[in-house]
PDB file of N, CA and C in Angstrom:
ATOM      1  N   UNK A   1       0.837  -1.187   0.000  1.00  0.00           N
ATOM      2  CA  UNK A   1       0.000   0.000   0.000  1.00  0.00           C
ATOM      3  C   UNK A   1       0.877   1.244   0.000  1.00  0.00           C
ATOM      4  N   UNK A   2       0.305   2.323  -0.518  1.00  0.00           N
ATOM      5  CA  UNK A   2       1.025   3.588  -0.568  1.00  0.00           C
ATOM      6  C   UNK A   2       0.609   4.449   0.628  1.00  0.00           C
ATOM      7  N   UNK A   3       1.575   4.979   1.322  1.00  0.00           N
ATOM      8  CA  UNK A   3       1.307   5.914   2.413  1.00  0.00           C
ATOM      9  C   UNK A   3       1.595   7.337   1.921  1.00  0.00           C
ATOM     10  N   UNK A   4       0.768   8.263   2.362  1.00  0.00           N
ATOM     11  CA  UNK A   4       0.882   9.647   1.921  1.00  0.00           C
ATOM     12  C   UNK A   4       0.997  10.580   3.116  1.00  0.00           C
ATOM     13  N   UNK A   5       1.884  11.538   3.000  1.00  0.00           N
ATOM     14  CA  UNK A   5       2.078  12.517   4.074  1.00  0.00           C
ATOM     15  C   UNK A   5       2.010  13.906   3.477  1.00  0.00           C
ATOM     16  N   UNK A   6       0.973  14.650   3.853  1.00  0.00           N
ATOM     17  CA  UNK A   6       0.794  16.015   3.350  1.00  0.00           C
ATOM     18  C   UNK A   6       1.405  17.018   4.330  1.00  0.00           C
ATOM     19  N   UNK A   7       1.804  18.151   3.788  1.00  0.00           N
ATOM     20  CA  UNK A   7       2.294  19.247   4.613  1.00  0.00           C
ATOM     21  C   UNK A   7       2.127  20.549   3.845  1.00  0.00           C
ATOM     22  N   UNK A   8       2.306  21.647   4.550  1.00  0.00           N
ATOM     23  CA  UNK A   8       2.301  22.951   3.894  1.00  0.00           C
ATOM     24  C   UNK A   8       1.062  23.792   4.116  1.00  0.00           C
ATOM     25  N   UNK A   9       0.041  23.220   4.709  1.00  0.00           N
ATOM     26  CA  UNK A   9      -1.148  24.015   4.976  1.00  0.00           C
ATOM     27  C   UNK A   9      -0.901  25.006   6.098  1.00  0.00           C
ATOM     28  N   UNK A  10      -1.855  25.901   6.291  1.00  0.00           N
ATOM     29  CA  UNK A  10      -1.717  26.879   7.365  1.00  0.00           C
ATOM     30  C   UNK A  10      -2.637  28.056   7.162  1.00  0.00           C
ATOM     31  N   UNK A  11      -2.363  29.100   7.912  1.00  0.00           N
ATOM     32  CA  UNK A  11      -3.147  30.334   7.854  1.00  0.00           C
ATOM     33  C   UNK A  11      -2.415  31.340   6.987  1.00  0.00           C
ATOM     34  N   UNK A  12      -3.133  31.889   6.027  1.00  0.00           N
ATOM     35  CA  UNK A  12      -2.528  32.856   5.118  1.00  0.00           C
ATOM     36  C   UNK A  12      -3.525  33.975   4.863  1.00  0.00           C
ATOM     37  N   UNK A  13      -3.006  35.149   4.591  1.00  0.00           N
ATOM     38  CA  UNK A  13      -3.891  36.276   4.295  1.00  0.00           C
ATOM     39  C   UNK A  13      -4.505  36.123   2.920  1.00  0.00           C
ATOM     40  N   UNK A  14      -5.683  36.697   2.752  1.00  0.00           N
ATOM     41  CA  UNK A  14      -6.322  36.715   1.445  1.00  0.00           C
ATOM     42  C   UNK A  14      -5.376  37.348   0.427  1.00  0.00           C
ATOM     43  N   UNK A  15      -5.218  36.686  -0.706  1.00  0.00           N
ATOM     44  CA  UNK A  15      -4.279  37.140  -1.723  1.00  0.00           C
ATOM     45  C   UNK A  15      -2.901  36.534  -1.592  1.00  0.00           C
ATOM     46  N   UNK A  16      -2.674  35.813  -0.516  1.00  0.00           N
ATOM     47  CA  UNK A  16      -1.377  35.203  -0.286  1.00  0.00           C
ATOM     48  C   UNK A  16      -1.203  33.883  -1.015  1.00  0.00           C
ATOM     49  N   UNK A  17      -0.102  33.216  -0.708  1.00  0.00           N
ATOM     50  CA  UNK A  17       0.240  31.972  -1.394  1.00  0.00           C
ATOM     51  C   UNK A  17       0.598  30.894  -0.390  1.00  0.00           C
ATOM     52  N   UNK A  18       0.407  29.664  -0.823  1.00  0.00           N
ATOM     53  CA  UNK A  18       0.830  28.498  -0.056  1.00  0.00           C
ATOM     54  C   UNK A  18       1.321  27.437  -1.021  1.00  0.00           C
ATOM     55  N   UNK A  19       2.217  26.617  -0.533  1.00  0.00           N
ATOM     56  CA  UNK A  19       2.695  25.478  -1.314  1.00  0.00           C
ATOM     57  C   UNK A  19       2.484  24.217  -0.491  1.00  0.00           C
ATOM     58  N   UNK A  20       1.618  23.355  -0.987  1.00  0.00           N
ATOM     59  CA  UNK A  20       1.347  22.093  -0.317  1.00  0.00           C
ATOM     60  C   UNK A  20       2.256  21.003  -0.885  1.00  0.00           C
ATOM     61  N   UNK A  21       2.643  20.080  -0.015  1.00  0.00           N
ATOM     62  CA  UNK A  21       3.470  18.952  -0.433  1.00  0.00           C
ATOM     63  C   UNK A  21       2.798  17.649  -0.036  1.00  0.00           C
ATOM     64  N   UNK A  22       3.017  16.622  -0.839  1.00  0.00           N
ATOM     65  CA  UNK A  22       2.523  15.283  -0.522  1.00  0.00           C
ATOM     66  C   UNK A  22       3.596  14.282  -0.912  1.00  0.00           C
ATOM     67  N   UNK A  23       4.145  13.610   0.093  1.00  0.00           N
ATOM     68  CA  UNK A  23       5.191  12.630  -0.135  1.00  0.00           C
ATOM     69  C   UNK A  23       4.603  11.230  -0.045  1.00  0.00           C
ATOM     70  N   UNK A  24       4.867  10.427  -1.044  1.00  0.00           N
ATOM     71  CA  UNK A  24       4.380   9.053  -1.080  1.00  0.00           C
ATOM     72  C   UNK A  24       5.500   8.102  -0.660  1.00  0.00           C
ATOM     73  N   UNK A  25       5.124   7.059   0.050  1.00  0.00           N
ATOM     74  CA  UNK A  25       6.078   6.032   0.452  1.00  0.00           C
ATOM     75  C   UNK A  25       5.367   4.685   0.427  1.00  0.00           C
ATOM     76  N   UNK A  26       6.139   3.632   0.611  1.00  0.00           N
ATOM     77  CA  UNK A  26       5.552   2.296   0.571  1.00  0.00           C
ATOM     78  C   UNK A  26       5.629   1.718  -0.829  1.00  0.00           C
ATOM     79  N   UNK A  27       4.542   1.145  -1.288  1.00  0.00           N
ATOM     80  CA  UNK A  27       4.510   0.448  -2.582  1.00  0.00           C
ATOM     81  C   UNK A  27       4.354   1.429  -3.748  1.00  0.00           C
ATOM     82  N   UNK A  28       5.323   2.319  -3.895  1.00  0.00           N
ATOM     83  CA  UNK A  28       5.227   3.336  -4.940  1.00  0.00           C
ATOM     84  C   UNK A  28       5.668   2.822  -6.307  1.00  0.00           C
ATOM     85  N   UNK A  29       6.172   1.589  -6.368  1.00  0.00           N
ATOM     86  CA  UNK A  29       6.670   1.072  -7.639  1.00  0.00           C
ATOM     87  C   UNK A  29       5.559   0.946  -8.674  1.00  0.00           C
ATOM     88  N   UNK A  30       4.307   0.784  -8.191  1.00  0.00           N
ATOM     89  CA  UNK A  30       3.196   0.657  -9.134  1.00  0.00           C
ATOM     90  C   UNK A  30       2.318   1.910  -9.162  1.00  0.00           C
ATOM     91  N   UNK A  31       2.907   3.032  -8.743  1.00  0.00           N
ATOM     92  CA  UNK A  31       2.156   4.284  -8.704  1.00  0.00           C
ATOM     93  C   UNK A  31       1.673   4.674 -10.088  1.00  0.00           C
ATOM     94  N   UNK A  32       0.415   5.016 -10.195  1.00  0.00           N
ATOM     95  CA  UNK A  32      -0.193   5.327 -11.487  1.00  0.00           C
ATOM     96  C   UNK A  32      -0.626   6.792 -11.576  1.00  0.00           C
ATOM     97  N   UNK A  33      -1.122   7.320 -10.477  1.00  0.00           N
ATOM     98  CA  UNK A  33      -1.668   8.674 -10.504  1.00  0.00           C
ATOM     99  C   UNK A  33      -1.602   9.260  -9.104  1.00  0.00           C
ATOM    100  N   UNK A  34      -1.380  10.577  -9.019  1.00  0.00           N
ATOM    101  CA  UNK A  34      -1.464  11.281  -7.747  1.00  0.00           C
ATOM    102  C   UNK A  34      -2.286  12.540  -7.951  1.00  0.00           C
ATOM    103  N   UNK A  35      -3.000  12.939  -6.923  1.00  0.00           N
ATOM    104  CA  UNK A  35      -3.905  14.071  -7.100  1.00  0.00           C
ATOM    105  C   UNK A  35      -4.150  14.781  -5.773  1.00  0.00           C
ATOM    106  N   UNK A  36      -4.647  16.008  -5.912  1.00  0.00           N
ATOM    107  CA  UNK A  36      -5.115  16.790  -4.772  1.00  0.00           C
ATOM    108  C   UNK A  36      -6.623  16.943  -4.866  1.00  0.00           C
ATOM    109  N   UNK A  37      -7.273  16.783  -3.731  1.00  0.00           N
ATOM    110  CA  UNK A  37      -8.695  17.067  -3.578  1.00  0.00           C
ATOM    111  C   UNK A  37      -8.831  18.048  -2.420  1.00  0.00           C
ATOM    112  N   UNK A  38      -9.988  18.682  -2.361  1.00  0.00           N
ATOM    113  CA  UNK A  38     -10.243  19.542  -1.211  1.00  0.00           C
ATOM    114  C   UNK A  38     -11.686  19.376  -0.767  1.00  0.00           C
ATOM    115  N   UNK A  39     -11.896  19.631   0.508  1.00  0.00           N
ATOM    116  CA  UNK A  39     -13.245  19.550   1.065  1.00  0.00           C
ATOM    117  C   UNK A  39     -13.440  20.666   2.075  1.00  0.00           C
ATOM    118  N   UNK A  40     -14.379  21.533   1.777  1.00  0.00           N
ATOM    119  CA  UNK A  40     -14.747  22.608   2.688  1.00  0.00           C
ATOM    120  C   UNK A  40     -15.883  22.131   3.598  1.00  0.00           C
ATOM    121  N   UNK A  41     -16.035  22.729   4.765  1.00  0.00           N
ATOM    122  CA  UNK A  41     -17.112  22.321   5.678  1.00  0.00           C
ATOM    123  C   UNK A  41     -18.477  22.358   5.011  1.00  0.00           C
ATOM    124  N   UNK A  42     -19.203  21.265   5.119  1.00  0.00           N
ATOM    125  CA  UNK A  42     -20.550  21.200   4.563  1.00  0.00           C
ATOM    126  C   UNK A  42     -20.614  20.962   3.070  1.00  0.00           C
ATOM    127  N   UNK A  43     -19.461  20.762   2.450  1.00  0.00           N
ATOM    128  CA  UNK A  43     -19.427  20.562   0.999  1.00  0.00           C
ATOM    129  C   UNK A  43     -18.812  19.211   0.668  1.00  0.00           C
ATOM    130  N   UNK A  44     -19.065  18.769  -0.552  1.00  0.00           N
ATOM    131  CA  UNK A  44     -18.485  17.515  -0.997  1.00  0.00           C
ATOM    132  C   UNK A  44     -17.011  17.696  -1.357  1.00  0.00           C
ATOM    133  N   UNK A  45     -16.289  16.613  -1.273  1.00  0.00           N
ATOM    134  CA  UNK A  45     -14.892  16.647  -1.671  1.00  0.00           C
ATOM    135  C   UNK A  45     -14.823  16.845  -3.181  1.00  0.00           C
ATOM    136  N   UNK A  46     -13.935  17.754  -3.609  1.00  0.00           N
ATOM    137  CA  UNK A  46     -13.822  18.026  -5.041  1.00  0.00           C
ATOM    138  C   UNK A  46     -12.387  17.877  -5.518  1.00  0.00           C
ATOM    139  N   UNK A  47     -12.264  17.514  -6.757  1.00  0.00           N
ATOM    140  CA  UNK A  47     -10.954  17.341  -7.386  1.00  0.00           C
ATOM    141  C   UNK A  47     -10.329  18.703  -7.646  1.00  0.00           C
ATOM    142  N   UNK A  48      -9.039  18.832  -7.330  1.00  0.00           N
ATOM    143  CA  UNK A  48      -8.317  20.089  -7.527  1.00  0.00           C
ATOM    144  C   UNK A  48      -7.340  19.977  -8.686  1.00  0.00           C
ATOM    145  N   UNK A  49      -6.458  19.012  -8.627  1.00  0.00           N
ATOM    146  CA  UNK A  49      -5.443  18.834  -9.666  1.00  0.00           C
ATOM    147  C   UNK A  49      -4.833  17.450  -9.510  1.00  0.00           C
ATOM    148  N   UNK A  50      -4.342  16.920 -10.638  1.00  0.00           N
ATOM    149  CA  UNK A  50      -3.736  15.606 -10.579  1.00  0.00           C
ATOM    150  C   UNK A  50      -2.679  15.423 -11.647  1.00  0.00           C
ATOM    151  N   UNK A  51      -1.880  14.386 -11.478  1.00  0.00           N
ATOM    152  CA  UNK A  51      -0.814  14.096 -12.432  1.00  0.00           C
ATOM    153  C   UNK A  51      -0.758  12.601 -12.673  1.00  0.00           C
ATOM    154  N   UNK A  52      -0.738  12.227 -13.926  1.00  0.00           N
ATOM    155  CA  UNK A  52      -0.541  10.826 -14.310  1.00  0.00           C
ATOM    156  C   UNK A  52       0.937  10.530 -14.121  1.00  0.00           C
ATOM    157  N   UNK A  53       1.257   9.684 -13.134  1.00  0.00           N
ATOM    158  CA  UNK A  53       2.654   9.512 -12.745  1.00  0.00           C
ATOM    159  C   UNK A  53       3.497   8.943 -13.869  1.00  0.00           C
ATOM    160  N   UNK A  54       2.899   8.096 -14.696  1.00  0.00           N
ATOM    161  CA  UNK A  54       3.661   7.421 -15.746  1.00  0.00           C
ATOM    162  C   UNK A  54       4.034   8.349 -16.898  1.00  0.00           C
ATOM    163  N   UNK A  55       3.225   9.383 -17.138  1.00  0.00           N
ATOM    164  CA  UNK A  55       3.472  10.248 -18.279  1.00  0.00           C
ATOM    165  C   UNK A  55       3.806  11.689 -17.890  1.00  0.00           C
ATOM    166  N   UNK A  56       3.460  12.082 -16.690  1.00  0.00           N
ATOM    167  CA  UNK A  56       3.666  13.465 -16.278  1.00  0.00           C
ATOM    168  C   UNK A  56       2.560  14.408 -16.709  1.00  0.00           C
ATOM    169  N   UNK A  57       1.538  13.899 -17.336  1.00  0.00           N
ATOM    170  CA  UNK A  57       0.434  14.756 -17.768  1.00  0.00           C
ATOM    171  C   UNK A  57      -0.328  15.286 -16.556  1.00  0.00           C
ATOM    172  N   UNK A  58      -0.568  16.582 -16.567  1.00  0.00           N
ATOM    173  CA  UNK A  58      -1.214  17.271 -15.456  1.00  0.00           C
ATOM    174  C   UNK A  58      -2.601  17.738 -15.881  1.00  0.00           C
ATOM    175  N   UNK A  59      -3.532  17.660 -14.988  1.00  0.00           N
ATOM    176  CA  UNK A  59      -4.889  18.141 -15.232  1.00  0.00           C
ATOM    177  C   UNK A  59      -5.361  18.921 -14.012  1.00  0.00           C
ATOM    178  N   UNK A  60      -6.224  19.902 -14.265  1.00  0.00           N
ATOM    179  CA  UNK A  60      -6.779  20.725 -13.210  1.00  0.00           C
ATOM    180  C   UNK A  60      -8.289  20.568 -13.213  1.00  0.00           C
ATOM    181  N   UNK A  61      -8.859  20.711 -12.032  1.00  0.00           N
ATOM    182  CA  UNK A  61     -10.251  20.320 -11.878  1.00  0.00           C
ATOM    183  C   UNK A  61     -11.281  21.421 -11.820  1.00  0.00           C
ATOM    184  N   UNK A  62     -10.900  22.645 -11.611  1.00  0.00           N
ATOM    185  CA  UNK A  62     -11.918  23.673 -11.533  1.00  0.00           C
ATOM    186  C   UNK A  62     -11.363  25.001 -12.005  1.00  0.00           C
ATOM    187  N   UNK A  63     -12.215  25.981 -12.000  1.00  0.00           N
ATOM    188  CA  UNK A  63     -11.929  27.227 -12.703  1.00  0.00           C
ATOM    189  C   UNK A  63     -10.755  28.002 -12.138  1.00  0.00           C
ATOM    190  N   UNK A  64     -10.302  27.627 -10.941  1.00  0.00           N
ATOM    191  CA  UNK A  64      -9.207  28.391 -10.348  1.00  0.00           C
ATOM    192  C   UNK A  64      -7.845  27.913 -10.826  1.00  0.00           C
ATOM    193  N   UNK A  65      -7.821  27.124 -11.881  1.00  0.00           N
ATOM    194  CA  UNK A  65      -6.555  26.528 -12.298  1.00  0.00           C
ATOM    195  C   UNK A  65      -5.516  27.568 -12.672  1.00  0.00           C
ATOM    196  N   UNK A  66      -5.943  28.802 -13.002  1.00  0.00           N
ATOM    197  CA  UNK A  66      -4.953  29.819 -13.329  1.00  0.00           C
ATOM    198  C   UNK A  66      -4.195  30.281 -12.099  1.00  0.00           C
ATOM    199  N   UNK A  67      -4.675  29.906 -10.912  1.00  0.00           N
ATOM    200  CA  UNK A  67      -3.978  30.258  -9.679  1.00  0.00           C
ATOM    201  C   UNK A  67      -3.225  29.072  -9.092  1.00  0.00           C
ATOM    202  N   UNK A  68      -3.292  27.946  -9.776  1.00  0.00           N
ATOM    203  CA  UNK A  68      -2.712  26.728  -9.236  1.00  0.00           C
ATOM    204  C   UNK A  68      -1.621  26.200 -10.155  1.00  0.00           C
ATOM    205  N   UNK A  69      -0.606  25.612  -9.548  1.00  0.00           N
ATOM    206  CA  UNK A  69       0.407  24.908 -10.316  1.00  0.00           C
ATOM    207  C   UNK A  69       0.748  23.620  -9.588  1.00  0.00           C
ATOM    208  N   UNK A  70       0.540  22.502 -10.265  1.00  0.00           N
ATOM    209  CA  UNK A  70       0.929  21.216  -9.714  1.00  0.00           C
ATOM    210  C   UNK A  70       2.266  20.820 -10.319  1.00  0.00           C
ATOM    211  N   UNK A  71       3.146  20.335  -9.488  1.00  0.00           N
ATOM    212  CA  UNK A  71       4.445  19.865  -9.960  1.00  0.00           C
ATOM    213  C   UNK A  71       4.837  18.630  -9.170  1.00  0.00           C
ATOM    214  N   UNK A  72       5.935  18.005  -9.554  1.00  0.00           N
ATOM    215  CA  UNK A  72       6.354  16.793  -8.864  1.00  0.00           C
ATOM    216  C   UNK A  72       7.866  16.692  -8.804  1.00  0.00           C
ATOM    217  N   UNK A  73       8.299  15.918  -7.849  1.00  0.00           N
ATOM    218  CA  UNK A  73       9.700  15.512  -7.731  1.00  0.00           C
ATOM    219  C   UNK A  73       9.695  13.994  -7.835  1.00  0.00           C
ATOM    220  N   UNK A  74      10.110  13.486  -8.965  1.00  0.00           N
ATOM    221  CA  UNK A  74      10.041  12.051  -9.206  1.00  0.00           C
ATOM    222  C   UNK A  74      10.943  11.289  -8.242  1.00  0.00           C
ATOM    223  N   UNK A  75      12.129  11.796  -8.008  1.00  0.00           N
ATOM    224  CA  UNK A  75      13.082  11.106  -7.138  1.00  0.00           C
ATOM    225  C   UNK A  75      12.556  10.967  -5.713  1.00  0.00           C
ATOM    226  N   UNK A  76      11.798  11.964  -5.261  1.00  0.00           N
ATOM    227  CA  UNK A  76      11.260  11.957  -3.897  1.00  0.00           C
ATOM    228  C   UNK A  76       9.832  11.436  -3.850  1.00  0.00           C
ATOM    229  N   UNK A  77       9.274  11.080  -5.006  1.00  0.00           N
ATOM    230  CA  UNK A  77       7.874  10.627  -5.105  1.00  0.00           C
ATOM    231  C   UNK A  77       6.961  11.586  -4.352  1.00  0.00           C
ATOM    232  N   UNK A  78       7.091  12.828  -4.712  1.00  0.00           N
ATOM    233  CA  UNK A  78       6.368  13.909  -4.037  1.00  0.00           C
ATOM    234  C   UNK A  78       5.695  14.799  -5.068  1.00  0.00           C
ATOM    235  N   UNK A  79       4.498  15.231  -4.747  1.00  0.00           N
ATOM    236  CA  UNK A  79       3.843  16.237  -5.569  1.00  0.00           C
ATOM    237  C   UNK A  79       3.634  17.498  -4.751  1.00  0.00           C
ATOM    238  N   UNK A  80       3.537  18.599  -5.468  1.00  0.00           N
ATOM    239  CA  UNK A  80       3.370  19.901  -4.842  1.00  0.00           C
ATOM    240  C   UNK A  80       2.179  20.609  -5.478  1.00  0.00           C
ATOM    241  N   UNK A  81       1.525  21.434  -4.699  1.00  0.00           N
ATOM    242  CA  UNK A  81       0.463  22.281  -5.220  1.00  0.00           C
ATOM    243  C   UNK A  81       0.747  23.711  -4.790  1.00  0.00           C
ATOM    244  N   UNK A  82       1.176  24.522  -5.734  1.00  0.00           N
ATOM    245  CA  UNK A  82       1.406  25.938  -5.482  1.00  0.00           C
ATOM    246  C   UNK A  82       0.093  26.675  -5.691  1.00  0.00           C
ATOM    247  N   UNK A  83      -0.369  27.351  -4.664  1.00  0.00           N
ATOM    248  CA  UNK A  83      -1.626  28.089  -4.744  1.00  0.00           C
ATOM    249  C   UNK A  83      -1.337  29.569  -4.528  1.00  0.00           C
ATOM    250  N   UNK A  84      -1.678  30.374  -5.504  1.00  0.00           N
ATOM    251  CA  UNK A  84      -1.435  31.815  -5.449  1.00  0.00           C
ATOM    252  C   UNK A  84      -2.753  32.579  -5.381  1.00  0.00           C
ATOM    253  N   UNK A  85      -2.666  33.812  -4.943  1.00  0.00           N
ATOM    254  CA  UNK A  85      -3.841  34.695  -4.863  1.00  0.00           C
ATOM    255  C   UNK A  85      -5.006  33.994  -4.174  1.00  0.00           C
ATOM    256  N   UNK A  86      -4.745  33.440  -3.010  1.00  0.00           N
ATOM    257  CA  UNK A  86      -5.780  32.685  -2.300  1.00  0.00           C
ATOM    258  C   UNK A  86      -6.981  33.567  -2.001  1.00  0.00           C
ATOM    259  N   UNK A  87      -8.156  32.998  -2.224  1.00  0.00           N
ATOM    260  CA  UNK A  87      -9.415  33.718  -2.130  1.00  0.00           C
ATOM    261  C   UNK A  87     -10.269  33.150  -0.998  1.00  0.00           C
ATOM    262  N   UNK A  88     -11.301  33.872  -0.590  1.00  0.00           N
ATOM    263  CA  UNK A  88     -12.171  33.376   0.494  1.00  0.00           C
ATOM    264  C   UNK A  88     -12.815  32.024   0.200  1.00  0.00           C
ATOM    265  N   UNK A  89     -12.920  31.635  -1.067  1.00  0.00           N
ATOM    266  CA  UNK A  89     -13.521  30.334  -1.393  1.00  0.00           C
ATOM    267  C   UNK A  89     -12.533  29.187  -1.328  1.00  0.00           C
ATOM    268  N   UNK A  90     -11.268  29.487  -1.055  1.00  0.00           N
ATOM    269  CA  UNK A  90     -10.231  28.447  -1.048  1.00  0.00           C
ATOM    270  C   UNK A  90     -10.065  27.697   0.271  1.00  0.00           C
ATOM    271  N   UNK A  91     -10.471  28.229   1.429  1.00  0.00           N
ATOM    272  CA  UNK A  91     -10.257  27.475   2.664  1.00  0.00           C
ATOM    273  C   UNK A  91     -10.921  26.111   2.626  1.00  0.00           C
ATOM    274  N   UNK A  92     -10.180  25.105   3.018  1.00  0.00           N
ATOM    275  CA  UNK A  92     -10.668  23.729   3.000  1.00  0.00           C
ATOM    276  C   UNK A  92      -9.587  22.846   3.598  1.00  0.00           C
ATOM    277  N   UNK A  93      -9.942  21.591   3.767  1.00  0.00           N
ATOM    278  CA  UNK A  93      -8.923  20.584   4.035  1.00  0.00           C
ATOM    279  C   UNK A  93      -8.513  20.007   2.696  1.00  0.00           C
ATOM    280  N   UNK A  94      -7.228  20.041   2.433  1.00  0.00           N
ATOM    281  CA  UNK A  94      -6.700  19.548   1.169  1.00  0.00           C
ATOM    282  C   UNK A  94      -6.122  18.150   1.384  1.00  0.00           C
ATOM    283  N   UNK A  95      -6.600  17.224   0.562  1.00  0.00           N
ATOM    284  CA  UNK A  95      -6.198  15.826   0.696  1.00  0.00           C
ATOM    285  C   UNK A  95      -5.382  15.389  -0.521  1.00  0.00           C
ATOM    286  N   UNK A  96      -4.400  14.589  -0.249  1.00  0.00           N
ATOM    287  CA  UNK A  96      -3.615  13.960  -1.307  1.00  0.00           C
ATOM    288  C   UNK A  96      -4.160  12.552  -1.536  1.00  0.00           C
ATOM    289  N   UNK A  97      -4.228  12.164  -2.784  1.00  0.00           N
ATOM    290  CA  UNK A  97      -4.720  10.841  -3.153  1.00  0.00           C
ATOM    291  C   UNK A  97      -3.748  10.213  -4.142  1.00  0.00           C
ATOM    292  N   UNK A  98      -3.525   8.917  -3.997  1.00  0.00           N
ATOM    293  CA  UNK A  98      -2.668   8.192  -4.921  1.00  0.00           C
ATOM    294  C   UNK A  98      -3.381   6.944  -5.390  1.00  0.00           C
ATOM    295  N   UNK A  99      -3.127   6.617  -6.618  1.00  0.00           N
ATOM    296  CA  UNK A  99      -3.674   5.383  -7.191  1.00  0.00           C
ATOM    297  C   UNK A  99      -2.501   4.522  -7.641  1.00  0.00           C
ATOM    298  N   UNK A 100      -2.452   3.315  -7.136  1.00  0.00           N
ATOM    299  CA  UNK A 100      -1.393   2.388  -7.503  1.00  0.00           C
ATOM    300  C   UNK A 100      -2.024   1.135  -8.080  1.00  0.00           C
ATOM    301  N   UNK A 101      -1.405   0.590  -9.108  1.00  0.00           N
ATOM    302  CA  UNK A 101      -1.976  -0.561  -9.801  1.00  0.00           C
ATOM    303  C   UNK A 101      -2.060  -1.775  -8.887  1.00  0.00           C
ATOM    304  N   UNK A 102      -1.121  -1.911  -7.979  1.00  0.00           N
ATOM    305  CA  UNK A 102      -1.086  -3.100  -7.122  1.00  0.00           C
ATOM    306  C   UNK A 102      -1.916  -2.952  -5.856  1.00  0.00           C
ATOM    307  N   UNK A 103      -2.170  -1.715  -5.423  1.00  0.00           N
ATOM    308  CA  UNK A 103      -2.822  -1.550  -4.126  1.00  0.00           C
ATOM    309  C   UNK A 103      -4.025  -0.634  -4.131  1.00  0.00           C
ATOM    310  N   UNK A 104      -4.401  -0.108  -5.288  1.00  0.00           N
ATOM    311  CA  UNK A 104      -5.593   0.725  -5.347  1.00  0.00           C
ATOM    312  C   UNK A 104      -5.370   2.129  -4.836  1.00  0.00           C
ATOM    313  N   UNK A 105      -6.426   2.731  -4.299  1.00  0.00           N
ATOM    314  CA  UNK A 105      -6.398   4.112  -3.864  1.00  0.00           C
ATOM    315  C   UNK A 105      -5.913   4.258  -2.433  1.00  0.00           C
ATOM    316  N   UNK A 106      -5.152   5.321  -2.199  1.00  0.00           N
ATOM    317  CA  UNK A 106      -4.727   5.684  -0.850  1.00  0.00           C
ATOM    318  C   UNK A 106      -5.005   7.167  -0.649  1.00  0.00           C
ATOM    319  N   UNK A 107      -5.263   7.541   0.600  1.00  0.00           N
ATOM    320  CA  UNK A 107      -5.534   8.942   0.928  1.00  0.00           C
ATOM    321  C   UNK A 107      -4.658   9.381   2.095  1.00  0.00           C
ATOM    322  N   UNK A 108      -4.261  10.639   2.063  1.00  0.00           N
ATOM    323  CA  UNK A 108      -3.560  11.213   3.193  1.00  0.00           C
ATOM    324  C   UNK A 108      -4.542  11.714   4.230  1.00  0.00           C
ATOM    325  N   UNK A 109      -4.006  12.221   5.326  1.00  0.00           N
ATOM    326  CA  UNK A 109      -4.831  12.691   6.435  1.00  0.00           C
ATOM    327  C   UNK A 109      -5.396  14.082   6.187  1.00  0.00           C
ATOM    328  N   UNK A 110      -4.830  14.785   5.255  1.00  0.00           N
ATOM    329  CA  UNK A 110      -5.306  16.127   4.937  1.00  0.00           C
ATOM    330  C   UNK A 110      -4.492  17.211   5.612  1.00  0.00           C
ATOM    331  N   UNK A 111      -4.449  18.366   4.962  1.00  0.00           N
ATOM    332  CA  UNK A 111      -3.786  19.531   5.532  1.00  0.00           C
ATOM    333  C   UNK A 111      -4.728  20.719   5.385  1.00  0.00           C
ATOM    334  N   UNK A 112      -4.842  21.490   6.440  1.00  0.00           N
ATOM    335  CA  UNK A 112      -5.841  22.549   6.497  1.00  0.00           C
ATOM    336  C   UNK A 112      -5.304  23.854   5.921  1.00  0.00           C
ATOM    337  N   UNK A 113      -6.111  24.479   5.073  1.00  0.00           N
ATOM    338  CA  UNK A 113      -5.795  25.795   4.537  1.00  0.00           C
ATOM    339  C   UNK A 113      -6.847  26.774   5.041  1.00  0.00           C
ATOM    340  N   UNK A 114      -6.387  27.823   5.702  1.00  0.00           N
ATOM    341  CA  UNK A 114      -7.289  28.822   6.275  1.00  0.00           C
ATOM    342  C   UNK A 114      -6.887  30.195   5.761  1.00  0.00           C
ATOM    343  N   UNK A 115      -7.875  31.005   5.444  1.00  0.00           N
ATOM    344  CA  UNK A 115      -7.632  32.347   4.918  1.00  0.00           C
ATOM    345  C   UNK A 115      -8.074  33.377   5.957  1.00  0.00           C
ATOM    346  N   UNK A 116      -7.216  34.321   6.223  1.00  0.00           N
ATOM    347  CA  UNK A 116      -7.586  35.429   7.102  1.00  0.00           C
ATOM    348  C   UNK A 116      -7.882  36.659   6.252  1.00  0.00           C
ATOM    349  N   UNK A 117      -8.895  37.368   6.645  1.00  0.00           N
ATOM    350  CA  UNK A 117      -9.283  38.549   5.861  1.00  0.00           C
ATOM    351  C   UNK A 117      -8.436  39.748   6.221  1.00  0.00           C
TER     352      UNK A 117
END
């Protein structure tokens, strides 16, 4: 199974930036895809951005993609989510998800992003 450890969340002023990290460990040899999701209180979890690990193809999930940049460090089996110009609609718990051919889906514990006005 793949284990995921997220970091980088915190409190930031409106208009500020944050960089989230998600490091994968364990059975990463069959890693197929990694992604970020977010869930705000009272709302469903939504897809934010993802990367097909085998090809490096990146996709974004909602209209704020012009403020987001997903990148990866292959050697460290880590993905990053750079979020700029954070807005009042961005606060949520951000979760990392991985899909591995041998072990299926794995989820991290989540990292909290909070915006101060």
